[in-house]
N, C-alpha and C. Protein backbone atom coordinates (compact mmCIF):
# COMPACT_ATOMS: atom_id res chain seq x y z
N UNK A 1 -23.12 14.97 13.86
CA UNK A 1 -22.30 15.09 12.31
C UNK A 1 -21.07 14.89 12.61
N UNK A 2 -20.29 15.68 14.15
CA UNK A 2 -19.30 15.58 14.89
C UNK A 2 -18.66 13.58 14.86
N UNK A 3 -19.85 13.00 15.45
CA UNK A 3 -19.39 11.75 15.44
C UNK A 3 -19.06 10.45 14.35
N UNK A 4 -19.97 11.42 13.06
CA UNK A 4 -19.54 10.86 11.24
C UNK A 4 -18.70 11.18 11.12
N UNK A 5 -17.76 12.47 11.39
CA UNK A 5 -16.28 12.40 10.80
C UNK A 5 -15.68 11.89 11.21
N UNK A 6 -15.67 11.90 12.52
CA UNK A 6 -14.82 10.55 13.78
C UNK A 6 -14.75 9.35 12.84
N UNK A 7 -16.18 8.73 12.21
CA UNK A 7 -16.00 7.06 12.08
C UNK A 7 -15.36 7.08 10.88
N UNK A 8 -15.53 7.95 9.90
CA UNK A 8 -15.48 7.94 8.45
C UNK A 8 -13.68 8.86 8.85
N UNK A 9 -13.62 9.13 9.84
CA UNK A 9 -11.54 9.02 9.60
C UNK A 9 -10.89 7.85 9.43
N UNK A 10 -11.98 7.07 10.98
CA UNK A 10 -10.76 5.76 11.38
C UNK A 10 -10.53 5.14 10.36
N UNK A 11 -12.43 5.39 9.52
CA UNK A 11 -12.59 4.34 8.15
C UNK A 11 -11.63 4.39 7.14
N UNK A 12 -11.08 5.72 7.39
CA UNK A 12 -9.88 6.17 5.98
C UNK A 12 -8.66 5.48 6.74
N UNK A 13 -8.36 5.49 7.93
CA UNK A 13 -6.96 5.60 8.53
C UNK A 13 -6.99 4.04 8.11
N UNK A 14 -7.96 3.18 8.33
CA UNK A 14 -7.42 1.80 8.18
C UNK A 14 -7.93 0.61 7.27
N UNK A 15 -8.49 1.93 5.69
CA UNK A 15 -8.84 1.67 4.82
C UNK A 15 -6.96 1.60 4.29
N UNK A 16 -6.59 2.34 4.30
CA UNK A 16 -5.10 2.60 3.87
C UNK A 16 -4.02 1.32 4.22
N UNK A 17 -4.74 0.73 5.74
CA UNK A 17 -3.44 0.05 6.58
C UNK A 17 -3.97 -1.31 5.97
N UNK A 18 -5.86 -1.27 4.89
CA UNK A 18 -5.94 -2.63 4.03
C UNK A 18 -3.94 -3.04 2.26
N UNK A 19 -3.64 -1.72 3.14
CA UNK A 19 -2.78 -1.60 1.67
C UNK A 19 -1.17 -2.30 2.10
N UNK A 20 -0.99 -1.82 3.48
CA UNK A 20 0.02 -2.51 3.73
C UNK A 20 0.82 -4.02 3.55
N UNK A 21 0.22 -4.59 3.72
CA UNK A 21 0.60 -6.38 3.31
C UNK A 21 -0.25 -6.42 2.18
N UNK A 22 -0.03 -5.84 1.09
CA UNK A 22 -1.06 -6.13 -0.49
C UNK A 22 0.69 -6.47 -1.24
N UNK A 23 1.15 -6.20 -1.09
CA UNK A 23 2.73 -6.21 -2.05
C UNK A 23 2.82 -7.69 -2.51
N UNK A 24 2.76 -8.73 -1.74
CA UNK A 24 2.90 -10.14 -2.08
C UNK A 24 1.32 -10.56 -2.58
N UNK A 25 1.14 -9.68 -2.93
CA UNK A 25 -0.40 -10.53 -3.78
C UNK A 25 0.19 -10.48 -5.09
N UNK A 26 0.99 -10.01 -5.85
CA UNK A 26 0.68 -10.77 -7.65
C UNK A 26 1.98 -12.39 -7.31
N UNK A 27 1.86 -12.33 -6.33
CA UNK A 27 2.93 -13.78 -6.21
C UNK A 27 2.67 -15.25 -6.80
N UNK A 28 1.56 -14.91 -7.11
CA UNK A 28 0.44 -16.29 -7.62
C UNK A 28 0.42 -15.65 -9.56
N UNK A 29 0.78 -14.33 -9.77
CA UNK A 29 1.52 -14.28 -11.07
C UNK A 29 2.69 -14.82 -11.97
N UNK A 30 3.58 -15.39 -10.71
CA UNK A 30 5.14 -15.74 -11.27
C UNK A 30 5.29 -16.51 -12.60
N UNK A 31 4.37 -17.80 -12.97
CA UNK A 31 4.23 -19.00 -13.72
C UNK A 31 3.48 -17.62 -15.08
N UNK A 32 2.80 -17.52 -14.77
CA UNK A 32 2.63 -16.15 -15.82
C UNK A 32 3.24 -15.52 -16.77
N UNK A 33 3.96 -14.97 -15.70
CA UNK A 33 4.95 -13.92 -15.93
C UNK A 33 6.56 -14.66 -16.79
N UNK A 34 6.76 -16.24 -15.86
CA UNK A 34 7.61 -16.44 -16.49
C UNK A 34 7.23 -16.54 -17.91
N UNK A 35 6.02 -17.10 -18.59
CA UNK A 35 5.68 -17.52 -19.75
C UNK A 35 5.09 -16.31 -20.70
N UNK A 36 4.95 -14.86 -20.34
CA UNK A 36 4.84 -13.76 -20.53
C UNK A 36 6.72 -13.30 -21.08
N UNK A 37 7.08 -13.08 -20.16
CA UNK A 37 8.69 -12.56 -20.55
C UNK A 37 10.09 -14.08 -20.16
N UNK A 38 9.77 -15.09 -21.50
CA UNK A 38 10.67 -15.83 -21.53
C UNK A 38 12.10 -15.98 -21.91
N UNK A 39 12.35 -14.90 -22.24
CA UNK A 39 13.82 -14.53 -22.15
C UNK A 39 14.88 -13.89 -20.43
N UNK A 40 13.11 -13.33 -19.93
CA UNK A 40 13.97 -13.21 -18.59
C UNK A 40 14.61 -13.95 -17.59
N UNK A 41 15.83 -14.13 -16.58
CA UNK A 41 15.88 -15.31 -16.04
C UNK A 41 14.49 -16.03 -14.78
N UNK A 42 14.16 -16.96 -14.46
CA UNK A 42 13.07 -17.35 -13.75
C UNK A 42 13.41 -16.08 -12.14
N UNK A 43 14.69 -16.37 -12.20
CA UNK A 43 15.22 -15.16 -10.54
C UNK A 43 15.17 -14.43 -10.72
N UNK A 44 15.38 -13.46 -11.96
CA UNK A 44 14.84 -12.05 -12.09
C UNK A 44 13.37 -12.20 -12.32
N UNK A 45 12.36 -12.88 -12.08
CA UNK A 45 11.11 -13.00 -12.44
C UNK A 45 10.62 -13.07 -11.25
N UNK A 46 10.74 -13.52 -10.46
CA UNK A 46 10.58 -14.07 -8.59
C UNK A 46 11.18 -12.90 -7.96
N UNK A 47 11.89 -12.00 -8.39
CA UNK A 47 12.51 -10.50 -7.34
C UNK A 47 11.39 -9.67 -7.40
N UNK A 48 10.71 -10.39 -8.32
CA UNK A 48 9.10 -8.95 -8.65
C UNK A 48 8.69 -9.04 -6.83
N UNK A 49 8.41 -10.53 -6.56
CA UNK A 49 7.88 -10.57 -5.30
C UNK A 49 8.45 -10.18 -3.69
N UNK A 50 9.83 -9.55 -4.45
CA UNK A 50 10.90 -10.14 -3.10
C UNK A 50 11.20 -8.18 -3.29
N UNK A 51 11.26 -7.49 -3.96
CA UNK A 51 11.57 -6.28 -4.18
C UNK A 51 10.68 -5.40 -3.87
N UNK A 52 9.02 -5.08 -3.63
CA UNK A 52 8.84 -4.32 -3.14
C UNK A 52 9.39 -4.44 -0.66
N UNK A 53 9.32 -5.08 -0.78
CA UNK A 53 10.12 -5.70 0.42
C UNK A 53 11.66 -4.81 0.67
N UNK A 54 12.80 -4.97 0.23
CA UNK A 54 13.64 -3.66 0.39
C UNK A 54 13.54 -2.64 0.10
N UNK A 55 12.27 -2.56 -1.20
CA UNK A 55 12.83 -0.89 -1.15
C UNK A 55 11.53 -0.57 0.22
N UNK A 56 10.46 -1.24 0.61
CA UNK A 56 9.64 -1.13 1.77
C UNK A 56 10.72 -0.53 3.44
N UNK A 57 11.95 -1.54 3.47
CA UNK A 57 12.66 -1.15 4.69
C UNK A 57 13.07 0.11 4.31
N UNK A 58 14.12 0.40 3.46
CA UNK A 58 14.12 1.99 3.05
C UNK A 58 13.37 3.21 3.39
N UNK A 59 12.37 3.12 2.60
CA UNK A 59 11.00 4.39 3.07
C UNK A 59 10.44 4.00 4.33
N UNK A 60 10.52 3.09 4.90
CA UNK A 60 10.38 3.02 6.88
C UNK A 60 11.60 3.90 7.20
N UNK A 61 12.62 3.08 6.74
CA UNK A 61 14.56 3.92 7.39
C UNK A 61 13.83 6.21 7.20
N UNK A 62 13.21 6.08 6.09
CA UNK A 62 13.00 7.15 6.00
C UNK A 62 12.32 8.18 6.25
N UNK A 63 10.74 7.56 6.33
CA UNK A 63 10.01 7.87 6.76
C UNK A 63 9.22 9.41 7.41
N UNK A 64 10.18 8.82 8.82
CA UNK A 64 9.58 9.93 9.75
C UNK A 64 10.10 11.22 9.81
N UNK A 65 11.84 11.39 8.26
CA UNK A 65 12.46 12.49 8.26
C UNK A 65 12.03 13.08 7.19
N UNK A 66 11.02 12.37 6.74
CA UNK A 66 10.36 12.33 5.53
C UNK A 66 9.03 13.55 6.25
N UNK A 67 8.30 12.95 6.99
CA UNK A 67 6.88 13.56 7.66
C UNK A 67 7.55 14.54 8.35
N UNK A 68 8.87 14.98 9.01
CA UNK A 68 9.12 15.68 9.41
C UNK A 68 8.76 17.53 9.02
N UNK A 69 9.44 17.07 7.64
CA UNK A 69 9.21 18.02 6.55
C UNK A 69 8.34 18.48 5.91
N UNK A 70 7.58 17.41 5.98
CA UNK A 70 6.19 17.65 4.96
C UNK A 70 4.97 17.73 5.64
N UNK A 71 5.44 16.23 6.92
CA UNK A 71 4.06 16.49 7.53
C UNK A 71 3.79 15.04 7.95
N UNK A 72 2.76 14.44 8.11
CA UNK A 72 2.68 13.11 8.81
C UNK A 72 1.62 12.93 7.40
N UNK A 73 0.20 13.76 7.53
CA UNK A 73 -0.96 13.23 6.67
C UNK A 73 -0.51 13.33 4.90
N UNK A 74 0.78 14.42 4.96
CA UNK A 74 1.52 14.41 3.32
C UNK A 74 1.92 12.98 3.26
N UNK A 75 2.87 13.14 3.86
CA UNK A 75 3.92 11.78 4.20
C UNK A 75 3.25 10.39 3.36
N UNK A 76 1.84 10.13 4.60
CA UNK A 76 0.59 9.21 3.72
C UNK A 76 0.28 8.79 2.53
N UNK A 77 0.30 10.31 1.83
CA UNK A 77 -0.66 10.62 0.83
C UNK A 77 -0.17 10.22 -0.64
N UNK A 78 1.31 10.97 -0.36
CA UNK A 78 2.48 10.74 -1.09
C UNK A 78 2.58 9.54 -1.26
N UNK A 79 2.42 8.53 -0.37
CA UNK A 79 3.07 7.20 -0.71
C UNK A 79 2.02 6.38 -1.08
N UNK A 80 0.92 6.78 -0.75
CA UNK A 80 -0.23 6.24 -1.29
C UNK A 80 -0.51 6.22 -3.13
N UNK A 81 -0.13 7.80 -3.15
CA UNK A 81 0.06 7.84 -4.27
C UNK A 81 0.95 6.66 -5.16
N UNK A 82 1.63 6.56 -4.71
CA UNK A 82 3.19 5.94 -5.09
C UNK A 82 2.45 4.59 -5.12
N UNK A 83 2.44 4.13 -3.73
CA UNK A 83 0.98 2.97 -4.22
C UNK A 83 0.60 2.76 -5.35
N UNK A 84 -0.86 4.13 -5.62
CA UNK A 84 -1.42 3.56 -6.21
C UNK A 84 -1.40 3.30 -8.04
N UNK A 85 -0.04 4.73 -8.00
CA UNK A 85 0.55 4.70 -9.74
C UNK A 85 1.37 3.59 -9.77
N UNK A 86 2.09 3.14 -8.88
CA UNK A 86 3.10 1.73 -9.27
C UNK A 86 2.08 0.73 -9.07
N UNK A 87 1.31 0.25 -7.90
CA UNK A 87 0.40 -0.63 -7.85
C UNK A 87 -0.32 -0.78 -9.47
N UNK A 88 -0.75 0.23 -10.22
CA UNK A 88 -1.56 -0.41 -11.02
C UNK A 88 -1.54 0.01 -12.62
N UNK A 89 0.13 0.33 -12.52
CA UNK A 89 0.71 0.80 -13.67
C UNK A 89 1.44 -0.56 -14.68
N UNK A 90 1.54 -1.88 -13.13
CA UNK A 90 1.38 -3.19 -14.86
C UNK A 90 0.13 -2.98 -15.34
N UNK A 91 -0.88 -3.01 -15.11
CA UNK A 91 -2.06 -2.82 -16.07
C UNK A 91 -1.79 -2.72 -18.20
N UNK A 92 -0.77 -1.39 -17.61
CA UNK A 92 -0.22 -1.38 -19.47
C UNK A 92 0.96 -1.61 -18.80
N UNK A 93 1.54 -1.90 -18.32
CA UNK A 93 3.28 -1.74 -18.68
C UNK A 93 3.67 -3.21 -19.13
N UNK A 94 4.38 -3.39 -20.45
CA UNK A 94 4.71 -4.83 -21.38
C UNK A 94 6.43 -4.86 -21.35
N UNK A 95 7.06 -4.18 -20.32
CA UNK A 95 8.74 -3.86 -20.41
C UNK A 95 8.65 -4.39 -19.25
N UNK A 96 9.70 -5.71 -18.89
CA UNK A 96 10.20 -6.71 -17.48
C UNK A 96 10.89 -5.10 -16.65
N UNK A 97 11.49 -4.12 -17.30
CA UNK A 97 12.52 -3.52 -16.41
C UNK A 97 11.53 -2.43 -15.62
N UNK A 98 10.53 -2.11 -16.60
CA UNK A 98 9.67 -0.76 -15.81
C UNK A 98 8.16 -1.59 -14.73
N UNK A 99 8.60 -2.73 -15.44
CA UNK A 99 8.00 -3.61 -13.86
C UNK A 99 8.53 -3.42 -12.70
N UNK A 100 9.35 -4.47 -12.90
CA UNK A 100 10.18 -4.26 -11.75
C UNK A 100 10.61 -3.00 -11.36
N UNK A 101 11.04 -2.02 -11.67
CA UNK A 101 10.61 0.08 -11.10
C UNK A 101 8.89 -0.53 -10.49
N UNK A 102 8.18 -0.13 -11.38
CA UNK A 102 7.07 -0.30 -10.79
C UNK A 102 7.13 -1.24 -9.05
N UNK A 103 7.00 -2.11 -9.03
CA UNK A 103 7.21 -2.61 -7.31
C UNK A 103 8.25 -2.01 -6.36
N UNK A 104 9.78 -2.05 -7.19
CA UNK A 104 9.97 -1.07 -5.60
C UNK A 104 9.54 0.21 -5.81
N UNK A 105 8.95 1.49 -6.42
CA UNK A 105 8.23 2.27 -5.89
C UNK A 105 6.97 1.72 -4.99
N UNK A 106 6.24 0.57 -6.07
CA UNK A 106 4.92 0.21 -4.84
C UNK A 106 5.32 -0.22 -3.31
N UNK A 107 6.30 -0.87 -2.91
CA UNK A 107 7.27 -1.13 -2.24
C UNK A 107 7.52 0.34 -1.53
N UNK A 108 8.00 1.14 -1.68
CA UNK A 108 8.78 2.46 -1.30
C UNK A 108 7.38 3.09 -0.62
N UNK A 109 7.04 3.07 -2.13
CA UNK A 109 5.33 3.56 -1.49
C UNK A 109 4.64 3.30 0.14
N UNK A 110 4.39 2.16 -0.11
CA UNK A 110 4.02 1.52 1.26
C UNK A 110 4.58 1.38 2.70
N UNK A 111 6.12 1.68 2.20
CA UNK A 111 7.20 2.05 3.68
C UNK A 111 6.78 3.70 4.28
N UNK A 112 6.82 4.43 3.27
CA UNK A 112 6.25 5.96 3.73
C UNK A 112 4.90 5.82 4.28
N UNK A 113 4.16 5.07 4.19
CA UNK A 113 3.29 5.21 5.22
C UNK A 113 2.47 4.58 6.56
N UNK A 114 3.71 2.93 6.23
CA UNK A 114 3.12 1.90 7.16
C UNK A 114 3.87 2.08 8.84
N UNK A 115 4.67 2.62 8.62
CA UNK A 115 5.03 2.78 9.96
C UNK A 115 3.93 4.06 10.51
N UNK A 116 3.87 5.57 9.99
CA UNK A 116 3.45 6.36 10.26
C UNK A 116 1.99 6.37 10.43
N UNK A 117 1.47 5.20 9.68
CA UNK A 117 -0.22 4.23 10.53
C UNK A 117 -0.28 4.65 11.91
N UNK A 118 0.99 3.47 12.69
CA UNK A 118 0.91 3.89 13.81
C UNK A 118 0.30 5.01 14.66
N UNK A 119 1.42 6.20 14.25
CA UNK A 119 1.48 7.34 14.70
C UNK A 119 0.31 8.28 14.82
N UNK A 120 -0.03 8.12 13.69
CA UNK A 120 -1.74 8.74 13.12
C UNK A 120 -2.97 8.56 14.45
N UNK A 121 -2.82 6.53 14.21
CA UNK A 121 -3.89 6.60 14.98
C UNK A 121 -3.63 6.98 16.85
N UNK A 122 -2.43 7.39 17.17
CA UNK A 122 -2.05 7.31 18.72
C UNK A 122 -2.80 8.45 18.69
N UNK A 123 -2.15 9.85 17.04
CA UNK A 123 -2.39 11.07 17.34
C UNK A 123 -4.04 11.22 17.97
N UNK A 124 -4.37 10.61 16.70
CA UNK A 124 -6.75 10.30 16.83
C UNK A 124 -7.06 10.86 18.07
N UNK A 125 -6.48 9.29 18.70
CA UNK A 125 -7.06 8.18 19.25
C UNK A 125 -6.42 8.52 20.89
N UNK A 126 -7.28 8.18 22.03
CA UNK A 126 -7.17 8.16 23.27
C UNK A 126 -7.62 6.78 23.71
N UNK A 127 -6.63 6.47 24.99
CA UNK A 127 -7.42 4.77 25.66
C UNK A 127 -7.25 4.33 25.53
N UNK A 128 -8.63 3.49 25.92
CA UNK A 128 -9.48 2.42 25.23
C UNK A 128 -9.83 1.94 23.50
N UNK A 129 -10.06 3.68 23.15
CA UNK A 129 -10.47 3.88 21.71
C UNK A 129 -8.76 3.39 20.64
N UNK A 130 -7.97 4.00 21.22
CA UNK A 130 -6.80 3.84 20.10
C UNK A 130 -6.54 2.96 20.29
N UNK A 131 -6.67 1.33 21.52
CA UNK A 131 -6.22 0.60 21.24
C UNK A 131 -6.99 -0.46 20.15
N UNK A 132 -8.68 -0.73 20.71
CA UNK A 132 -9.61 -0.73 19.50
C UNK A 132 -8.88 -0.49 18.10
N UNK A 133 -8.83 0.52 18.12
CA UNK A 133 -8.34 0.66 16.43
C UNK A 133 -6.93 0.19 15.80
N UNK A 134 -5.71 0.22 16.59
CA UNK A 134 -4.24 -0.37 16.61
C UNK A 134 -5.00 -2.25 16.35
N UNK A 135 -5.96 -2.35 17.36
CA UNK A 135 -6.25 -3.85 17.33
C UNK A 135 -6.92 -4.16 15.99
N UNK A 136 -7.58 -3.19 15.22
CA UNK A 136 -8.66 -2.76 13.69
C UNK A 136 -7.09 -2.93 12.88
N UNK A 137 -6.63 -1.74 12.72
CA UNK A 137 -4.82 -1.89 11.42
C UNK A 137 -4.82 -3.88 11.75
N UNK A 138 -4.37 -3.57 13.03
CA UNK A 138 -3.67 -5.27 12.85
C UNK A 138 -4.98 -6.36 11.31
N UNK A 139 -5.68 -6.10 11.73
CA UNK A 139 -6.94 -6.96 11.05
C UNK A 139 -7.12 -6.60 9.84
N UNK A 140 -7.01 -5.02 9.89
CA UNK A 140 -7.16 -4.76 8.41
C UNK A 140 -6.23 -4.32 7.91
N UNK A 141 -4.89 -5.14 8.15
CA UNK A 141 -3.54 -5.32 7.77
C UNK A 141 -3.75 -6.58 7.19
N UNK A 142 -4.20 -7.37 8.04
CA UNK A 142 -4.09 -9.15 7.17
C UNK A 142 -5.02 -9.42 6.25
N UNK A 143 -6.17 -8.89 6.63
CA UNK A 143 -7.20 -8.95 5.87
C UNK A 143 -7.40 -7.95 4.26
N UNK A 144 -6.74 -7.27 4.28
CA UNK A 144 -6.23 -6.35 3.12
C UNK A 144 -5.12 -7.10 2.33
N UNK A 145 -4.93 -8.26 2.83
CA UNK A 145 -3.29 -8.54 2.26
C UNK A 145 -4.36 -10.12 2.09
N UNK A 146 -4.86 -10.93 2.32
CA UNK A 146 -6.05 -12.47 2.15
C UNK A 146 -7.13 -11.73 0.60
N UNK A 147 -7.64 -10.75 0.68
CA UNK A 147 -8.56 -9.70 0.36
C UNK A 147 -7.71 -9.60 -1.39
N UNK A 148 -7.25 -8.61 -0.95
CA UNK A 148 -6.41 -8.64 -2.64
C UNK A 148 -5.40 -9.62 -3.46
N UNK A 149 -5.15 -10.38 -3.00
CA UNK A 149 -4.47 -11.54 -2.91
C UNK A 149 -5.27 -12.45 -3.54
N UNK A 150 -6.27 -12.71 -2.95
CA UNK A 150 -7.68 -13.66 -3.87
C UNK A 150 -7.59 -12.63 -4.91
N UNK A 151 -7.63 -11.97 -4.90
CA UNK A 151 -9.23 -11.06 -6.14
C UNK A 151 -8.20 -11.07 -7.03
N UNK A 152 -6.51 -11.16 -6.94
CA UNK A 152 -4.73 -10.91 -7.91
C UNK A 152 -5.05 -12.43 -8.99
N UNK A 153 -5.64 -13.44 -7.85
CA UNK A 153 -5.83 -14.92 -7.79
C UNK A 153 -6.40 -15.25 -9.09
N UNK A 154 -7.57 -14.48 -8.63
CA UNK A 154 -9.26 -14.37 -9.77
C UNK A 154 -8.60 -13.34 -10.99
N UNK A 155 -8.80 -12.51 -11.30
CA UNK A 155 -7.38 -11.97 -12.51
C UNK A 155 -6.73 -12.46 -12.83
N UNK A 156 -5.60 -12.51 -12.10
CA UNK A 156 -4.88 -13.52 -12.93
C UNK A 156 -5.16 -14.56 -14.17
N UNK A 157 -6.12 -15.26 -13.56
CA UNK A 157 -7.02 -15.92 -15.13
C UNK A 157 -7.00 -15.04 -16.02
N UNK A 158 -7.73 -14.08 -16.37
CA UNK A 158 -8.16 -13.80 -17.33
C UNK A 158 -6.63 -13.35 -18.15
N UNK A 159 -5.69 -12.48 -17.55
CA UNK A 159 -3.91 -12.36 -18.22
C UNK A 159 -2.90 -11.34 -17.15
N UNK A 160 -1.78 -11.57 -16.49
CA UNK A 160 -0.95 -11.08 -16.05
C UNK A 160 -1.32 -9.31 -15.32
N UNK A 161 -1.31 -8.66 -17.06
CA UNK A 161 -1.61 -7.27 -16.71
C UNK A 161 -2.96 -6.96 -15.93
N UNK A 162 -3.74 -7.69 -15.93
CA UNK A 162 -5.03 -7.53 -15.43
C UNK A 162 -5.57 -7.83 -13.39
N UNK A 163 -4.14 -8.49 -13.63
CA UNK A 163 -3.87 -9.04 -12.01
C UNK A 163 -3.44 -8.03 -11.67
N UNK A 164 -3.17 -7.19 -12.31
CA UNK A 164 -2.76 -5.70 -11.28
C UNK A 164 -3.67 -4.64 -10.75
N UNK A 165 -4.74 -5.10 -11.35
CA UNK A 165 -6.70 -4.62 -10.90
C UNK A 165 -6.38 -4.42 -9.23
N UNK A 166 -6.25 -5.67 -8.43
CA UNK A 166 -6.31 -5.34 -7.44
C UNK A 166 -5.55 -4.60 -6.66
N UNK A 167 -4.83 -4.15 -6.86
CA UNK A 167 -4.16 -2.44 -5.66
C UNK A 167 -5.63 -1.29 -6.79
N UNK A 168 -6.46 -1.43 -7.16
CA UNK A 168 -7.75 -0.56 -7.40
C UNK A 168 -7.89 -0.08 -5.57
N UNK A 169 -7.23 -1.13 -4.65
CA UNK A 169 -8.03 -0.27 -3.34
C UNK A 169 -7.15 0.44 -3.29
N UNK A 170 -6.45 0.93 -3.72
CA UNK A 170 -5.93 2.29 -3.39
C UNK A 170 -6.25 3.33 -3.23
N UNK A 171 -6.93 3.03 -4.50
CA UNK A 171 -8.04 4.96 -4.77
C UNK A 171 -8.76 5.90 -4.00
N UNK A 172 -10.09 4.46 -3.56
CA UNK A 172 -10.37 4.47 -2.70
C UNK A 172 -10.31 5.45 -1.11
N UNK A 173 -8.75 4.39 -1.03
CA UNK A 173 -8.43 4.90 0.52
C UNK A 173 -7.34 6.49 -0.21
N UNK A 174 -6.86 6.73 -0.91
CA UNK A 174 -6.55 7.70 -1.00
C UNK A 174 -7.52 8.80 -1.12
N UNK A 175 -8.58 8.77 -1.72
CA UNK A 175 -9.89 9.99 -1.93
C UNK A 175 -10.64 9.73 -0.45
N UNK A 176 -10.18 8.18 0.35
CA UNK A 176 -10.87 9.34 2.38
C UNK A 176 -9.83 9.75 2.76
N UNK A 177 -8.67 8.80 2.87
CA UNK A 177 -8.12 9.15 3.29
C UNK A 177 -7.88 11.16 3.68
N UNK A 178 -7.91 11.61 1.77
CA UNK A 178 -7.85 12.99 1.62
C UNK A 178 -8.53 13.95 2.71
N UNK A 179 -9.79 13.50 1.87
CA UNK A 179 -10.78 13.84 2.52
C UNK A 179 -11.08 13.80 4.30
N UNK A 180 -10.78 12.95 4.86
CA UNK A 180 -11.53 12.64 6.72
C UNK A 180 -10.35 13.19 7.36
N UNK A 181 -9.51 13.15 7.06
CA UNK A 181 -8.10 12.30 7.91
C UNK A 181 -7.44 14.13 7.97
N UNK A 182 -8.42 14.89 8.85
CA UNK A 182 -7.17 16.09 9.65
C UNK A 182 -5.66 16.10 9.35
N UNK A 183 -4.82 16.84 9.03
CA UNK A 183 -3.94 17.58 9.18
C UNK A 183 -2.88 17.24 10.69
N UNK A 184 -1.81 17.20 10.92
CA UNK A 184 -1.85 16.68 12.14
C UNK A 184 -0.46 18.06 11.74
N UNK A 185 -0.34 18.18 13.18
CA UNK A 185 0.59 20.18 12.75
C UNK A 185 2.62 19.22 12.66
N UNK A 186 2.81 19.82 12.19
CA UNK A 186 4.64 19.12 12.24
C UNK A 186 5.15 19.99 13.33
N UNK A 187 6.00 18.40 14.30
CA UNK A 187 6.11 18.35 15.21
C UNK A 187 7.83 19.39 15.26
N UNK A 188 8.30 20.14 16.02
CA UNK A 188 10.04 20.87 15.53
C UNK A 188 10.85 20.00 15.96
């Protein structure tokens, strides 16, 4: 039973890693969004693909400070909740301003947990298993970016709202991380 829990913990951490490279997944939406928002300048529409990166950088700078106050696991959970809500909300949004806010919050959410995943892996895994898990984390990030981008590209053919369903991966990641990754004691 212990080995199963260990495997589920590792899988849960790696599934969260899938989200870290998924922000650019909606790049294929730009032409469709330009048609959906004809009164918005194209330069502003293109910001939807870069604004998550800006807010990701801000959150990375703050994530350690936040983790010291509420804990590593809790910070990751807050970040994943933020990415889930912000990533999926465009399914229902028809306002360009709200769409821009959702992309900023998505980036901020990813930034909250992006750098902390390495710390979590280092805490739970030692020796060769740590090295292997860090390698898997990089692989899951890359595969996640490709997979979410592919799914978004297929769904944008239905409409731009549906392409944001590709961020549904955040839901199982949140559930599994919450259930199977133990809390890490806060450092003083």
